[in-house]
Amino acid sequence: MSSALTDPRYTVPPVPAADQGVAWLRASVARFCDGPAHERRRALVVAELAAVDPRTLAGRRGSSPVAVLAEALGLAVAPEDVELVAGCYQPHTAVTPEADDAVARLVEACGGVPDERTANRIGLLVQACAATAALVAGVHPPVPVTRRVAPDGTLVVVDLTDHPFGLGAHACPGREHALAIAGGPTR
């Protein structure tokens, strides 16, 4: 069902607006939206990644993907905070108070301004935590499924086995960076 990844009639399941914690993060990242908000937020992610040459990330397998990416982005974050958030990041998972507290600390580590840029920087680290760590461990695909809402309103679970970095508008913008951290080819 890879067509669900490229057909614009299949949308990302919406998340409710929120002003703090993991719910704020979900509501502010490119990952969980479509349309103009997705385009704007994705541009923020692409700009952050453009400042990091993927080749500088290679050969750092002894470090956690979060630590490698955070250092490259010039962020001093606690990987444990990113792990707490990653455990609750997906909208179908419950949020813990510890994860909400971790989001507040990550906002401070990213400059203290809870805006879209900060949210998407945190989102990059969250993706590095779970997906890139799975890639480093040799898990294929590193993210096994994603979700879309079909034109008829039903929730569709999309298998990513044949497209481990996704396709279409929501394809992973950090593919080159993740592969570099995992020690594989970046092109």
N, C-alpha and C. Protein backbone atom coordinates (compact mmCIF):
# COMPACT_ATOMS: atom_id res chain seq x y z
N MET A 1 0.82 -1.19 0.00
CA MET A 1 0.00 0.00 0.00
C MET A 1 0.86 1.25 0.00
N SER A 2 2.00 1.20 -0.71
CA SER A 2 2.87 2.37 -0.78
C SER A 2 2.16 3.57 -1.41
N SER A 3 1.09 3.32 -2.18
CA SER A 3 0.35 4.45 -2.77
C SER A 3 -0.21 5.37 -1.69
N ALA A 4 -0.44 4.85 -0.50
CA ALA A 4 -0.92 5.70 0.60
C ALA A 4 0.14 6.71 1.01
N LEU A 5 1.40 6.44 0.66
CA LEU A 5 2.47 7.38 0.99
C LEU A 5 2.61 8.50 -0.04
N THR A 6 2.14 8.25 -1.26
CA THR A 6 2.31 9.23 -2.33
C THR A 6 1.00 9.89 -2.77
N ASP A 7 -0.11 9.28 -2.45
CA ASP A 7 -1.41 9.82 -2.85
C ASP A 7 -1.83 10.89 -1.83
N PRO A 8 -1.95 12.15 -2.26
CA PRO A 8 -2.28 13.22 -1.31
C PRO A 8 -3.65 13.08 -0.66
N ARG A 9 -4.49 12.18 -1.19
CA ARG A 9 -5.79 11.95 -0.55
C ARG A 9 -5.64 11.18 0.75
N TYR A 10 -4.52 10.51 0.94
CA TYR A 10 -4.21 9.82 2.19
C TYR A 10 -3.44 10.80 3.06
N THR A 11 -4.01 11.15 4.18
CA THR A 11 -3.42 12.18 5.02
C THR A 11 -2.85 11.59 6.31
N VAL A 12 -2.02 12.36 6.94
CA VAL A 12 -1.47 11.97 8.24
C VAL A 12 -2.59 12.13 9.27
N PRO A 13 -2.75 11.16 10.16
CA PRO A 13 -3.77 11.34 11.20
C PRO A 13 -3.54 12.63 11.98
N PRO A 14 -4.55 13.47 12.09
CA PRO A 14 -4.36 14.76 12.75
C PRO A 14 -4.14 14.60 14.26
N VAL A 15 -3.42 15.54 14.82
CA VAL A 15 -3.24 15.59 16.26
C VAL A 15 -3.85 16.90 16.76
N PRO A 16 -4.37 16.89 17.97
CA PRO A 16 -4.99 18.12 18.48
C PRO A 16 -3.95 19.19 18.83
N ALA A 17 -4.35 20.43 18.75
CA ALA A 17 -3.50 21.54 19.16
C ALA A 17 -3.23 21.42 20.66
N ALA A 18 -2.06 21.87 21.06
CA ALA A 18 -1.69 21.84 22.48
C ALA A 18 -0.61 22.89 22.71
N ASP A 19 -0.44 23.29 23.96
CA ASP A 19 0.53 24.34 24.22
C ASP A 19 1.70 23.93 25.11
N GLN A 20 1.78 22.64 25.46
CA GLN A 20 2.92 22.21 26.26
C GLN A 20 3.12 20.71 26.18
N GLY A 21 4.29 20.28 26.59
CA GLY A 21 4.61 18.86 26.70
C GLY A 21 4.65 18.13 25.36
N VAL A 22 4.52 16.83 25.44
CA VAL A 22 4.56 15.98 24.25
C VAL A 22 3.42 16.35 23.30
N ALA A 23 2.27 16.68 23.83
CA ALA A 23 1.14 17.06 22.97
C ALA A 23 1.49 18.30 22.15
N TRP A 24 2.17 19.28 22.75
CA TRP A 24 2.63 20.46 22.01
C TRP A 24 3.63 20.04 20.93
N LEU A 25 4.55 19.16 21.27
CA LEU A 25 5.54 18.71 20.30
C LEU A 25 4.87 18.05 19.11
N ARG A 26 3.96 17.12 19.37
CA ARG A 26 3.24 16.46 18.28
C ARG A 26 2.52 17.48 17.39
N ALA A 27 1.91 18.47 18.02
CA ALA A 27 1.12 19.46 17.28
C ALA A 27 1.97 20.48 16.54
N SER A 28 3.29 20.45 16.75
CA SER A 28 4.17 21.47 16.19
C SER A 28 5.22 20.95 15.22
N VAL A 29 5.28 19.63 15.01
CA VAL A 29 6.30 19.07 14.12
C VAL A 29 5.73 18.74 12.75
N ALA A 30 6.64 18.62 11.79
CA ALA A 30 6.25 18.27 10.42
C ALA A 30 5.67 16.87 10.35
N ARG A 31 6.11 16.00 11.21
CA ARG A 31 5.75 14.59 11.16
C ARG A 31 4.25 14.34 11.22
N PHE A 32 3.53 15.16 11.97
CA PHE A 32 2.12 14.89 12.24
C PHE A 32 1.17 15.93 11.64
N CYS A 33 1.49 16.44 10.46
CA CYS A 33 0.59 17.38 9.81
C CYS A 33 0.76 17.29 8.30
N ASP A 34 -0.12 17.91 7.58
CA ASP A 34 -0.09 17.96 6.12
C ASP A 34 -0.24 19.41 5.68
N GLY A 35 -0.22 19.61 4.35
CA GLY A 35 -0.51 20.90 3.76
C GLY A 35 0.54 21.95 4.05
N PRO A 36 0.11 23.21 4.09
CA PRO A 36 1.06 24.32 4.30
C PRO A 36 1.85 24.21 5.61
N ALA A 37 1.22 23.75 6.67
CA ALA A 37 1.96 23.59 7.94
C ALA A 37 3.08 22.57 7.77
N HIS A 38 2.80 21.47 7.09
CA HIS A 38 3.84 20.47 6.85
C HIS A 38 4.97 21.05 6.01
N GLU A 39 4.63 21.74 4.96
CA GLU A 39 5.65 22.33 4.09
C GLU A 39 6.54 23.30 4.87
N ARG A 40 5.94 24.15 5.68
CA ARG A 40 6.69 25.13 6.47
C ARG A 40 7.59 24.44 7.49
N ARG A 41 7.03 23.47 8.20
CA ARG A 41 7.80 22.78 9.23
C ARG A 41 8.88 21.89 8.63
N ARG A 42 8.56 21.23 7.53
CA ARG A 42 9.57 20.40 6.86
C ARG A 42 10.74 21.27 6.39
N ALA A 43 10.46 22.47 5.91
CA ALA A 43 11.52 23.38 5.49
C ALA A 43 12.45 23.71 6.67
N LEU A 44 11.91 23.82 7.85
CA LEU A 44 12.74 24.04 9.04
C LEU A 44 13.67 22.86 9.28
N VAL A 45 13.14 21.65 9.14
CA VAL A 45 13.93 20.43 9.33
C VAL A 45 15.02 20.35 8.27
N VAL A 46 14.65 20.58 7.03
CA VAL A 46 15.62 20.52 5.93
C VAL A 46 16.74 21.54 6.15
N ALA A 47 16.40 22.73 6.62
CA ALA A 47 17.41 23.75 6.88
C ALA A 47 18.35 23.32 8.00
N GLU A 48 17.81 22.73 9.05
CA GLU A 48 18.66 22.23 10.14
C GLU A 48 19.63 21.17 9.62
N LEU A 49 19.10 20.25 8.85
CA LEU A 49 19.94 19.16 8.33
C LEU A 49 20.95 19.65 7.30
N ALA A 50 20.60 20.68 6.55
CA ALA A 50 21.51 21.21 5.53
C ALA A 50 22.78 21.77 6.16
N ALA A 51 22.70 22.16 7.40
CA ALA A 51 23.87 22.70 8.10
C ALA A 51 24.82 21.60 8.58
N VAL A 52 24.42 20.35 8.42
CA VAL A 52 25.23 19.22 8.90
C VAL A 52 25.61 18.33 7.72
N ASP A 53 26.90 18.28 7.42
CA ASP A 53 27.38 17.39 6.36
C ASP A 53 27.27 15.95 6.88
N PRO A 54 26.50 15.11 6.22
CA PRO A 54 26.35 13.73 6.70
C PRO A 54 27.68 13.00 6.89
N ARG A 55 28.68 13.34 6.09
CA ARG A 55 29.98 12.65 6.21
C ARG A 55 30.63 12.88 7.56
N THR A 56 30.28 14.00 8.23
CA THR A 56 30.84 14.28 9.55
C THR A 56 30.24 13.39 10.63
N LEU A 57 29.15 12.71 10.30
CA LEU A 57 28.47 11.86 11.27
C LEU A 57 28.94 10.41 11.20
N ALA A 58 29.63 10.08 10.12
CA ALA A 58 30.06 8.69 9.90
C ALA A 58 31.13 8.29 10.92
N GLY A 59 31.16 7.00 11.20
CA GLY A 59 32.18 6.45 12.08
C GLY A 59 31.99 6.77 13.54
N ARG A 60 30.81 7.15 13.93
CA ARG A 60 30.54 7.52 15.33
C ARG A 60 29.61 6.50 15.98
N ARG A 61 29.67 5.26 15.53
CA ARG A 61 28.74 4.23 15.98
C ARG A 61 28.80 3.96 17.48
N GLY A 62 29.89 4.27 18.13
CA GLY A 62 29.97 4.03 19.57
C GLY A 62 29.11 4.99 20.38
N SER A 63 28.76 6.10 19.79
CA SER A 63 27.92 7.09 20.44
C SER A 63 26.47 6.84 20.06
N SER A 64 25.57 7.29 20.90
CA SER A 64 24.15 7.15 20.56
C SER A 64 23.84 8.07 19.39
N PRO A 65 22.91 7.67 18.52
CA PRO A 65 22.52 8.56 17.42
C PRO A 65 22.07 9.93 17.90
N VAL A 66 21.41 9.98 19.04
CA VAL A 66 20.96 11.26 19.59
C VAL A 66 22.17 12.14 19.92
N ALA A 67 23.16 11.56 20.59
CA ALA A 67 24.35 12.33 20.96
C ALA A 67 25.08 12.84 19.73
N VAL A 68 25.21 11.98 18.71
CA VAL A 68 25.89 12.37 17.49
C VAL A 68 25.17 13.52 16.80
N LEU A 69 23.87 13.40 16.63
CA LEU A 69 23.10 14.43 15.94
C LEU A 69 23.03 15.71 16.77
N ALA A 70 22.82 15.58 18.06
CA ALA A 70 22.74 16.77 18.92
C ALA A 70 24.04 17.56 18.86
N GLU A 71 25.16 16.88 18.93
CA GLU A 71 26.45 17.56 18.84
C GLU A 71 26.59 18.27 17.49
N ALA A 72 26.22 17.59 16.42
CA ALA A 72 26.32 18.19 15.08
C ALA A 72 25.42 19.42 14.95
N LEU A 73 24.29 19.41 15.65
CA LEU A 73 23.36 20.55 15.62
C LEU A 73 23.73 21.63 16.63
N GLY A 74 24.78 21.37 17.43
CA GLY A 74 25.20 22.34 18.43
C GLY A 74 24.30 22.40 19.64
N LEU A 75 23.66 21.28 19.95
CA LEU A 75 22.72 21.22 21.08
C LEU A 75 23.29 20.38 22.21
N ALA A 76 23.19 20.89 23.42
CA ALA A 76 23.60 20.14 24.60
C ALA A 76 22.34 19.62 25.27
N VAL A 77 21.90 18.44 24.84
CA VAL A 77 20.70 17.84 25.40
C VAL A 77 21.06 16.56 26.13
N ALA A 78 20.21 16.17 27.04
CA ALA A 78 20.37 14.89 27.73
C ALA A 78 19.70 13.81 26.88
N PRO A 79 20.46 12.85 26.35
CA PRO A 79 19.84 11.79 25.56
C PRO A 79 18.70 11.09 26.30
N GLU A 80 18.78 11.05 27.62
CA GLU A 80 17.71 10.42 28.40
C GLU A 80 16.40 11.17 28.23
N ASP A 81 16.47 12.48 28.12
CA ASP A 81 15.25 13.27 27.89
C ASP A 81 14.65 12.93 26.53
N VAL A 82 15.50 12.81 25.53
CA VAL A 82 15.01 12.47 24.19
C VAL A 82 14.38 11.08 24.22
N GLU A 83 14.98 10.14 24.93
CA GLU A 83 14.43 8.79 25.05
C GLU A 83 13.05 8.81 25.70
N LEU A 84 12.89 9.60 26.74
CA LEU A 84 11.58 9.70 27.40
C LEU A 84 10.52 10.20 26.42
N VAL A 85 10.88 11.21 25.65
CA VAL A 85 9.94 11.78 24.69
C VAL A 85 9.66 10.79 23.57
N ALA A 86 10.70 10.13 23.07
CA ALA A 86 10.53 9.17 21.97
C ALA A 86 9.56 8.06 22.35
N GLY A 87 9.55 7.67 23.60
CA GLY A 87 8.64 6.62 24.05
C GLY A 87 7.18 7.01 24.00
N CYS A 88 6.91 8.30 23.91
CA CYS A 88 5.54 8.81 23.90
C CYS A 88 5.21 9.61 22.65
N TYR A 89 6.11 9.67 21.70
CA TYR A 89 6.00 10.58 20.56
C TYR A 89 4.83 10.27 19.64
N GLN A 90 4.62 9.02 19.35
CA GLN A 90 3.55 8.65 18.42
C GLN A 90 2.19 8.95 19.03
N PRO A 91 1.28 9.51 18.24
CA PRO A 91 -0.02 9.90 18.78
C PRO A 91 -0.85 8.77 19.36
N HIS A 92 -0.57 7.54 18.98
CA HIS A 92 -1.34 6.42 19.51
C HIS A 92 -0.75 5.87 20.80
N THR A 93 0.26 6.56 21.37
CA THR A 93 0.86 6.13 22.63
C THR A 93 0.51 7.11 23.74
N ALA A 94 0.46 6.60 24.94
CA ALA A 94 0.15 7.43 26.10
C ALA A 94 1.35 8.30 26.47
N VAL A 95 1.07 9.48 26.97
CA VAL A 95 2.11 10.41 27.39
C VAL A 95 2.28 10.31 28.90
N THR A 96 3.53 10.27 29.33
CA THR A 96 3.82 10.24 30.76
C THR A 96 4.18 11.64 31.25
N PRO A 97 3.98 11.91 32.52
CA PRO A 97 4.41 13.21 33.07
C PRO A 97 5.92 13.41 32.91
N GLU A 98 6.69 12.33 33.01
CA GLU A 98 8.14 12.42 32.85
C GLU A 98 8.51 12.89 31.44
N ALA A 99 7.78 12.40 30.44
CA ALA A 99 8.04 12.81 29.07
C ALA A 99 7.66 14.29 28.87
N ASP A 100 6.56 14.72 29.47
CA ASP A 100 6.19 16.13 29.39
C ASP A 100 7.28 17.02 30.03
N ASP A 101 7.80 16.59 31.17
CA ASP A 101 8.89 17.33 31.82
C ASP A 101 10.13 17.35 30.94
N ALA A 102 10.41 16.23 30.27
CA ALA A 102 11.57 16.14 29.37
C ALA A 102 11.42 17.11 28.20
N VAL A 103 10.21 17.25 27.66
CA VAL A 103 10.00 18.22 26.58
C VAL A 103 10.36 19.62 27.06
N ALA A 104 9.96 19.98 28.26
CA ALA A 104 10.28 21.31 28.79
C ALA A 104 11.79 21.51 28.87
N ARG A 105 12.51 20.48 29.31
CA ARG A 105 13.98 20.59 29.39
C ARG A 105 14.60 20.68 27.99
N LEU A 106 14.04 19.94 27.04
CA LEU A 106 14.56 19.99 25.67
C LEU A 106 14.31 21.36 25.03
N VAL A 107 13.15 21.96 25.32
CA VAL A 107 12.88 23.31 24.82
C VAL A 107 13.94 24.26 25.36
N GLU A 108 14.24 24.16 26.64
CA GLU A 108 15.28 25.02 27.23
C GLU A 108 16.63 24.78 26.57
N ALA A 109 16.98 23.53 26.32
CA ALA A 109 18.27 23.19 25.69
C ALA A 109 18.35 23.69 24.25
N CYS A 110 17.20 23.89 23.64
CA CYS A 110 17.15 24.38 22.25
C CYS A 110 16.95 25.88 22.17
N GLY A 111 17.17 26.58 23.26
CA GLY A 111 17.07 28.04 23.25
C GLY A 111 15.95 28.63 24.07
N GLY A 112 15.05 27.79 24.57
CA GLY A 112 14.02 28.27 25.48
C GLY A 112 12.77 28.83 24.85
N VAL A 113 12.68 28.81 23.52
CA VAL A 113 11.50 29.36 22.86
C VAL A 113 10.66 28.22 22.30
N PRO A 114 9.44 28.03 22.81
CA PRO A 114 8.60 26.93 22.34
C PRO A 114 7.90 27.26 21.01
N ASP A 115 8.69 27.31 19.94
CA ASP A 115 8.14 27.62 18.63
C ASP A 115 8.33 26.42 17.68
N GLU A 116 7.93 26.59 16.43
CA GLU A 116 8.02 25.49 15.48
C GLU A 116 9.47 25.07 15.22
N ARG A 117 10.38 26.01 15.18
CA ARG A 117 11.79 25.65 14.96
C ARG A 117 12.27 24.74 16.08
N THR A 118 12.00 25.13 17.30
CA THR A 118 12.41 24.33 18.45
C THR A 118 11.75 22.96 18.41
N ALA A 119 10.47 22.92 18.14
CA ALA A 119 9.76 21.64 18.09
C ALA A 119 10.37 20.72 17.04
N ASN A 120 10.69 21.26 15.89
CA ASN A 120 11.23 20.42 14.82
C ASN A 120 12.68 20.02 15.07
N ARG A 121 13.43 20.80 15.82
CA ARG A 121 14.77 20.38 16.25
C ARG A 121 14.62 19.19 17.21
N ILE A 122 13.70 19.30 18.14
CA ILE A 122 13.45 18.19 19.06
C ILE A 122 12.95 16.97 18.28
N GLY A 123 12.07 17.20 17.31
CA GLY A 123 11.58 16.10 16.48
C GLY A 123 12.71 15.37 15.77
N LEU A 124 13.71 16.10 15.28
CA LEU A 124 14.87 15.45 14.66
C LEU A 124 15.57 14.53 15.64
N LEU A 125 15.76 15.00 16.85
CA LEU A 125 16.43 14.18 17.86
C LEU A 125 15.60 12.96 18.23
N VAL A 126 14.28 13.14 18.32
CA VAL A 126 13.40 12.01 18.63
C VAL A 126 13.49 10.95 17.53
N GLN A 127 13.48 11.39 16.27
CA GLN A 127 13.62 10.43 15.17
C GLN A 127 14.98 9.75 15.23
N ALA A 128 16.03 10.48 15.56
CA ALA A 128 17.35 9.87 15.69
C ALA A 128 17.38 8.85 16.81
N CYS A 129 16.62 9.11 17.85
CA CYS A 129 16.59 8.21 19.00
C CYS A 129 16.05 6.85 18.62
N ALA A 130 14.88 6.83 18.05
CA ALA A 130 14.22 5.55 17.78
C ALA A 130 14.59 4.98 16.42
N ALA A 131 14.35 5.73 15.37
CA ALA A 131 14.53 5.20 14.02
C ALA A 131 16.00 4.97 13.69
N THR A 132 16.85 5.93 13.98
CA THR A 132 18.27 5.75 13.64
C THR A 132 18.90 4.70 14.52
N ALA A 133 18.51 4.63 15.77
CA ALA A 133 19.04 3.56 16.63
C ALA A 133 18.66 2.19 16.08
N ALA A 134 17.44 2.06 15.59
CA ALA A 134 17.02 0.79 14.99
C ALA A 134 17.84 0.50 13.73
N LEU A 135 18.11 1.52 12.94
CA LEU A 135 18.92 1.36 11.74
C LEU A 135 20.33 0.91 12.10
N VAL A 136 20.92 1.52 13.11
CA VAL A 136 22.25 1.13 13.58
C VAL A 136 22.26 -0.32 14.03
N ALA A 137 21.18 -0.74 14.68
CA ALA A 137 21.08 -2.12 15.17
C ALA A 137 20.78 -3.13 14.07
N GLY A 138 20.56 -2.64 12.85
CA GLY A 138 20.30 -3.54 11.74
C GLY A 138 18.85 -3.95 11.59
N VAL A 139 17.96 -3.27 12.27
CA VAL A 139 16.53 -3.57 12.16
C VAL A 139 16.04 -3.04 10.81
N HIS A 140 15.34 -3.89 10.07
CA HIS A 140 14.80 -3.46 8.78
C HIS A 140 13.32 -3.81 8.69
N PRO A 141 12.52 -2.85 8.40
CA PRO A 141 12.83 -1.43 8.32
C PRO A 141 12.94 -0.84 9.72
N PRO A 142 13.71 0.25 9.87
CA PRO A 142 13.89 0.82 11.20
C PRO A 142 12.59 1.34 11.80
N VAL A 143 11.70 1.81 10.95
CA VAL A 143 10.35 2.18 11.36
C VAL A 143 9.44 1.25 10.56
N PRO A 144 8.83 0.27 11.21
CA PRO A 144 8.10 -0.76 10.47
C PRO A 144 6.81 -0.29 9.78
N VAL A 145 6.11 0.62 10.40
CA VAL A 145 4.83 1.07 9.84
C VAL A 145 4.64 2.56 10.08
N THR A 146 3.75 3.12 9.31
CA THR A 146 3.26 4.48 9.55
C THR A 146 1.75 4.44 9.34
N ARG A 147 1.11 5.52 9.68
CA ARG A 147 -0.35 5.54 9.58
C ARG A 147 -0.81 6.67 8.66
N ARG A 148 -1.90 6.41 7.97
CA ARG A 148 -2.54 7.41 7.14
C ARG A 148 -4.05 7.27 7.28
N VAL A 149 -4.75 8.35 7.00
CA VAL A 149 -6.20 8.34 6.96
C VAL A 149 -6.60 8.26 5.49
N ALA A 150 -7.33 7.21 5.13
CA ALA A 150 -7.77 7.00 3.75
C ALA A 150 -8.85 8.02 3.38
N PRO A 151 -9.09 8.20 2.09
CA PRO A 151 -10.13 9.15 1.67
C PRO A 151 -11.50 8.87 2.30
N ASP A 152 -11.78 7.61 2.64
CA ASP A 152 -13.07 7.29 3.25
C ASP A 152 -13.07 7.48 4.77
N GLY A 153 -11.94 7.96 5.32
CA GLY A 153 -11.85 8.23 6.75
C GLY A 153 -11.31 7.10 7.59
N THR A 154 -11.05 5.95 7.00
CA THR A 154 -10.51 4.84 7.79
C THR A 154 -9.02 5.01 8.02
N LEU A 155 -8.56 4.51 9.13
CA LEU A 155 -7.14 4.54 9.45
C LEU A 155 -6.46 3.37 8.75
N VAL A 156 -5.38 3.66 8.03
CA VAL A 156 -4.64 2.65 7.29
C VAL A 156 -3.25 2.56 7.88
N VAL A 157 -2.83 1.33 8.21
CA VAL A 157 -1.47 1.10 8.67
C VAL A 157 -0.65 0.69 7.45
N VAL A 158 0.39 1.47 7.15
CA VAL A 158 1.19 1.27 5.95
C VAL A 158 2.51 0.59 6.32
N ASP A 159 2.76 -0.57 5.74
CA ASP A 159 4.00 -1.31 5.94
C ASP A 159 5.14 -0.60 5.21
N LEU A 160 6.24 -0.32 5.91
CA LEU A 160 7.36 0.39 5.32
C LEU A 160 8.52 -0.52 4.91
N THR A 161 8.29 -1.82 4.86
CA THR A 161 9.36 -2.74 4.52
C THR A 161 10.05 -2.38 3.21
N ASP A 162 9.30 -2.06 2.18
CA ASP A 162 9.88 -1.73 0.89
C ASP A 162 10.30 -0.27 0.75
N HIS A 163 9.93 0.54 1.73
CA HIS A 163 10.24 1.97 1.68
C HIS A 163 10.66 2.43 3.09
N PRO A 164 11.84 1.98 3.56
CA PRO A 164 12.21 2.25 4.95
C PRO A 164 12.37 3.72 5.31
N PHE A 165 12.50 4.59 4.33
CA PHE A 165 12.56 6.02 4.61
C PHE A 165 11.33 6.75 4.09
N GLY A 166 10.27 5.98 3.82
CA GLY A 166 9.02 6.55 3.35
C GLY A 166 9.10 7.01 1.91
N LEU A 167 8.03 7.60 1.47
CA LEU A 167 7.91 8.14 0.11
C LEU A 167 7.06 9.39 0.16
N GLY A 168 7.11 10.16 -0.89
CA GLY A 168 6.22 11.30 -1.01
C GLY A 168 6.58 12.45 -0.09
N ALA A 169 5.60 13.26 0.21
CA ALA A 169 5.81 14.48 0.97
C ALA A 169 6.38 14.23 2.36
N HIS A 170 6.11 13.05 2.93
CA HIS A 170 6.59 12.74 4.28
C HIS A 170 7.81 11.83 4.27
N ALA A 171 8.49 11.68 3.13
CA ALA A 171 9.72 10.88 3.11
C ALA A 171 10.71 11.49 4.10
N CYS A 172 11.51 10.66 4.71
CA CYS A 172 12.45 11.10 5.73
C CYS A 172 13.47 12.08 5.16
N PRO A 173 13.50 13.31 5.67
CA PRO A 173 14.50 14.28 5.19
C PRO A 173 15.89 14.00 5.74
N GLY A 174 15.99 13.13 6.74
CA GLY A 174 17.27 12.82 7.36
C GLY A 174 17.89 11.52 6.90
N ARG A 175 17.45 11.02 5.77
CA ARG A 175 17.94 9.73 5.27
C ARG A 175 19.46 9.68 5.21
N GLU A 176 20.08 10.66 4.56
CA GLU A 176 21.53 10.69 4.39
C GLU A 176 22.23 10.71 5.76
N HIS A 177 21.70 11.47 6.67
CA HIS A 177 22.29 11.59 7.99
C HIS A 177 22.16 10.30 8.79
N ALA A 178 20.99 9.69 8.71
CA ALA A 178 20.77 8.43 9.43
C ALA A 178 21.69 7.33 8.89
N LEU A 179 21.80 7.25 7.58
CA LEU A 179 22.68 6.24 6.99
C LEU A 179 24.14 6.49 7.38
N ALA A 180 24.54 7.73 7.44
CA ALA A 180 25.91 8.05 7.85
C ALA A 180 26.16 7.61 9.28
N ILE A 181 25.23 7.90 10.17
CA ILE A 181 25.38 7.51 11.57
C ILE A 181 25.42 5.98 11.68
N ALA A 182 24.62 5.32 10.86
CA ALA A 182 24.57 3.85 10.90
C ALA A 182 25.78 3.21 10.21
N GLY A 183 26.57 4.04 9.52
CA GLY A 183 27.77 3.51 8.90
C GLY A 183 27.59 3.00 7.50
N GLY A 184 26.44 3.29 6.88
CA GLY A 184 26.17 2.85 5.53
C GLY A 184 26.42 3.96 4.53
N PRO A 185 26.21 3.66 3.25
CA PRO A 185 26.39 4.69 2.23
C PRO A 185 25.32 5.76 2.34
N THR A 186 25.71 6.98 2.05
CA THR A 186 24.75 8.09 2.14
C THR A 186 24.17 8.47 0.79
N ARG A 187 24.56 7.84 -0.23
CA ARG A 187 23.98 8.14 -1.56
C ARG A 187 23.69 6.87 -2.28
